[in-house]
Amino acid sequence: MITRNDVEYVANLARLTLTEEEIERMTKELGAIIEFANKLSDLDTEGIEPTAHVLNLYNVFRSDEVKPSYPREKILQNAPSHDDVCIKVPKIVE
């Protein structure tokens, strides 16, 4: 059972300021959610294999392939400041 103190504790962790109405409403709503989740423990899961994900996962990334790129000199021509290898940018972190 979710108590008022539980709601206030979680709100504090989340840096939320709740009104009295919101605390009361959240206490009821979170209690109903927990009660519903507890019903899952009543299910017979005997013989059901545990899963980490409901869908079969596979690698969707393509393999790395070297492809032609713009010449470095051409890219550096457009930079306001460079040193023949890299684009120079203003320092923003001390």
C-alpha atoms as a PDB file:
ATOM      1  CA  MET A   1       0.000   0.000   0.000  1.00  0.00           C
ATOM      2  CA  ILE A   2       1.331   3.429  -0.962  1.00  0.00           C
ATOM      3  CA  THR A   3       1.223   5.980   1.828  1.00  0.00           C
ATOM      4  CA  ARG A   4       1.250   9.735   1.795  1.00  0.00           C
ATOM      5  CA  ASN A   5       4.835   9.624   3.107  1.00  0.00           C
ATOM      6  CA  ASP A   6       5.852   7.450   0.121  1.00  0.00           C
ATOM      7  CA  VAL A   7       4.437  10.004  -2.314  1.00  0.00           C
ATOM      8  CA  GLU A   8       6.121  12.891  -0.523  1.00  0.00           C
ATOM      9  CA  TYR A   9       9.430  10.987  -0.479  1.00  0.00           C
ATOM     10  CA  VAL A  10       9.312  10.218  -4.213  1.00  0.00           C
ATOM     11  CA  ALA A  11       8.230  13.781  -5.021  1.00  0.00           C
ATOM     12  CA  ASN A  12      11.197  15.070  -3.038  1.00  0.00           C
ATOM     13  CA  LEU A  13      13.577  12.755  -4.936  1.00  0.00           C
ATOM     14  CA  ALA A  14      12.134  14.019  -8.220  1.00  0.00           C
ATOM     15  CA  ARG A  15      12.374  17.625  -6.988  1.00  0.00           C
ATOM     16  CA  LEU A  16       8.610  18.063  -7.390  1.00  0.00           C
ATOM     17  CA  THR A  17       6.479  20.393  -5.328  1.00  0.00           C
ATOM     18  CA  LEU A  18       3.016  18.903  -4.977  1.00  0.00           C
ATOM     19  CA  THR A  19      -0.087  20.521  -3.560  1.00  0.00           C
ATOM     20  CA  GLU A  20      -2.179  18.766  -0.914  1.00  0.00           C
ATOM     21  CA  GLU A  21      -4.671  17.768  -3.633  1.00  0.00           C
ATOM     22  CA  GLU A  22      -1.935  16.328  -5.820  1.00  0.00           C
ATOM     23  CA  ILE A  23      -0.461  14.342  -2.927  1.00  0.00           C
ATOM     24  CA  GLU A  24      -3.856  12.811  -2.171  1.00  0.00           C
ATOM     25  CA  ARG A  25      -4.528  12.057  -5.844  1.00  0.00           C
ATOM     26  CA  MET A  26      -1.055  10.573  -6.393  1.00  0.00           C
ATOM     27  CA  THR A  27      -1.422   8.407  -3.281  1.00  0.00           C
ATOM     28  CA  LYS A  28      -4.621   6.888  -4.687  1.00  0.00           C
ATOM     29  CA  GLU A  29      -3.330   6.562  -8.253  1.00  0.00           C
ATOM     30  CA  LEU A  30       0.036   5.049  -7.317  1.00  0.00           C
ATOM     31  CA  GLY A  31      -1.726   2.694  -4.917  1.00  0.00           C
ATOM     32  CA  ALA A  32      -3.960   1.491  -7.764  1.00  0.00           C
ATOM     33  CA  ILE A  33      -0.941   1.008 -10.032  1.00  0.00           C
ATOM     34  CA  ILE A  34       0.927  -1.028  -7.405  1.00  0.00           C
ATOM     35  CA  GLU A  35      -2.209  -3.060  -6.699  1.00  0.00           C
ATOM     36  CA  PHE A  36      -2.543  -3.856 -10.412  1.00  0.00           C
ATOM     37  CA  ALA A  37       1.146  -4.813 -10.659  1.00  0.00           C
ATOM     38  CA  ASN A  38       0.742  -7.123  -7.655  1.00  0.00           C
ATOM     39  CA  LYS A  39      -1.958  -9.033  -9.549  1.00  0.00           C
ATOM     40  CA  LEU A  40       0.766 -10.212 -11.910  1.00  0.00           C
ATOM     41  CA  SER A  41       2.237 -12.312  -9.108  1.00  0.00           C
ATOM     42  CA  ASP A  42      -1.003 -14.338  -9.148  1.00  0.00           C
ATOM     43  CA  LEU A  43      -0.329 -15.532 -12.697  1.00  0.00           C
ATOM     44  CA  ASP A  44       0.826 -19.110 -13.208  1.00  0.00           C
ATOM     45  CA  THR A  45       4.187 -18.797 -14.976  1.00  0.00           C
ATOM     46  CA  GLU A  46       5.202 -22.430 -14.528  1.00  0.00           C
ATOM     47  CA  GLY A  47       6.972 -23.658 -17.648  1.00  0.00           C
ATOM     48  CA  ILE A  48       7.277 -20.211 -19.218  1.00  0.00           C
ATOM     49  CA  GLU A  49      10.822 -19.341 -20.207  1.00  0.00           C
ATOM     50  CA  PRO A  50      12.052 -15.977 -18.903  1.00  0.00           C
ATOM     51  CA  THR A  51      12.818 -13.374 -21.541  1.00  0.00           C
ATOM     52  CA  ALA A  52      14.876 -10.213 -21.509  1.00  0.00           C
ATOM     53  CA  HIS A  53      12.863  -8.654 -24.329  1.00  0.00           C
ATOM     54  CA  VAL A  54       9.529  -9.494 -25.926  1.00  0.00           C
ATOM     55  CA  LEU A  55      10.904  -9.189 -29.458  1.00  0.00           C
ATOM     56  CA  ASN A  56      13.839 -10.976 -31.013  1.00  0.00           C
ATOM     57  CA  LEU A  57      16.659  -8.466 -31.158  1.00  0.00           C
ATOM     58  CA  TYR A  58      19.225  -8.341 -33.904  1.00  0.00           C
ATOM     59  CA  ASN A  59      21.949  -5.934 -34.951  1.00  0.00           C
ATOM     60  CA  VAL A  60      20.442  -3.315 -37.248  1.00  0.00           C
ATOM     61  CA  PHE A  61      23.708  -1.499 -37.860  1.00  0.00           C
ATOM     62  CA  ARG A  62      25.349  -1.745 -41.231  1.00  0.00           C
ATOM     63  CA  SER A  63      28.933  -2.872 -41.504  1.00  0.00           C
ATOM     64  CA  ASP A  64      31.566  -0.142 -41.691  1.00  0.00           C
ATOM     65  CA  GLU A  65      32.722   0.589 -45.209  1.00  0.00           C
ATOM     66  CA  VAL A  66      35.358   3.083 -46.245  1.00  0.00           C
ATOM     67  CA  LYS A  67      33.856   5.487 -48.767  1.00  0.00           C
ATOM     68  CA  PRO A  68      35.341   8.428 -50.622  1.00  0.00           C
ATOM     69  CA  SER A  69      35.090  11.752 -48.815  1.00  0.00           C
ATOM     70  CA  TYR A  70      35.771  15.395 -49.576  1.00  0.00           C
ATOM     71  CA  PRO A  71      39.432  16.335 -49.723  1.00  0.00           C
ATOM     72  CA  ARG A  72      40.634  17.808 -46.421  1.00  0.00           C
ATOM     73  CA  GLU A  73      42.009  20.884 -48.179  1.00  0.00           C
ATOM     74  CA  LYS A  74      38.614  21.693 -49.679  1.00  0.00           C
ATOM     75  CA  ILE A  75      36.879  21.391 -46.293  1.00  0.00           C
ATOM     76  CA  LEU A  76      39.507  23.530 -44.553  1.00  0.00           C
ATOM     77  CA  GLN A  77      39.038  26.283 -47.182  1.00  0.00           C
ATOM     78  CA  ASN A  78      35.581  26.953 -45.719  1.00  0.00           C
ATOM     79  CA  ALA A  79      36.765  27.085 -42.099  1.00  0.00           C
ATOM     80  CA  PRO A  80      37.316  30.548 -40.613  1.00  0.00           C
ATOM     81  CA  SER A  81      40.399  29.228 -38.797  1.00  0.00           C
ATOM     82  CA  HIS A  82      42.456  26.047 -39.303  1.00  0.00           C
ATOM     83  CA  ASP A  83      45.968  24.661 -38.950  1.00  0.00           C
ATOM     84  CA  ASP A  84      46.367  22.556 -42.138  1.00  0.00           C
ATOM     85  CA  VAL A  85      44.939  19.493 -40.328  1.00  0.00           C
ATOM     86  CA  CYS A  86      42.046  20.571 -38.089  1.00  0.00           C
ATOM     87  CA  ILE A  87      39.419  23.275 -37.874  1.00  0.00           C
ATOM     88  CA  LYS A  88      40.163  25.614 -34.965  1.00  0.00           C
ATOM     89  CA  VAL A  89      37.273  26.732 -32.788  1.00  0.00           C
ATOM     90  CA  PRO A  90      37.170  29.138 -29.841  1.00  0.00           C
ATOM     91  CA  LYS A  91      37.751  27.608 -26.407  1.00  0.00           C
ATOM     92  CA  ILE A  92      34.458  27.424 -24.512  1.00  0.00           C
ATOM     93  CA  VAL A  93      35.435  25.375 -21.447  1.00  0.00           C
ATOM     94  CA  GLU A  94      37.850  26.649 -18.830  1.00  0.00           C
END
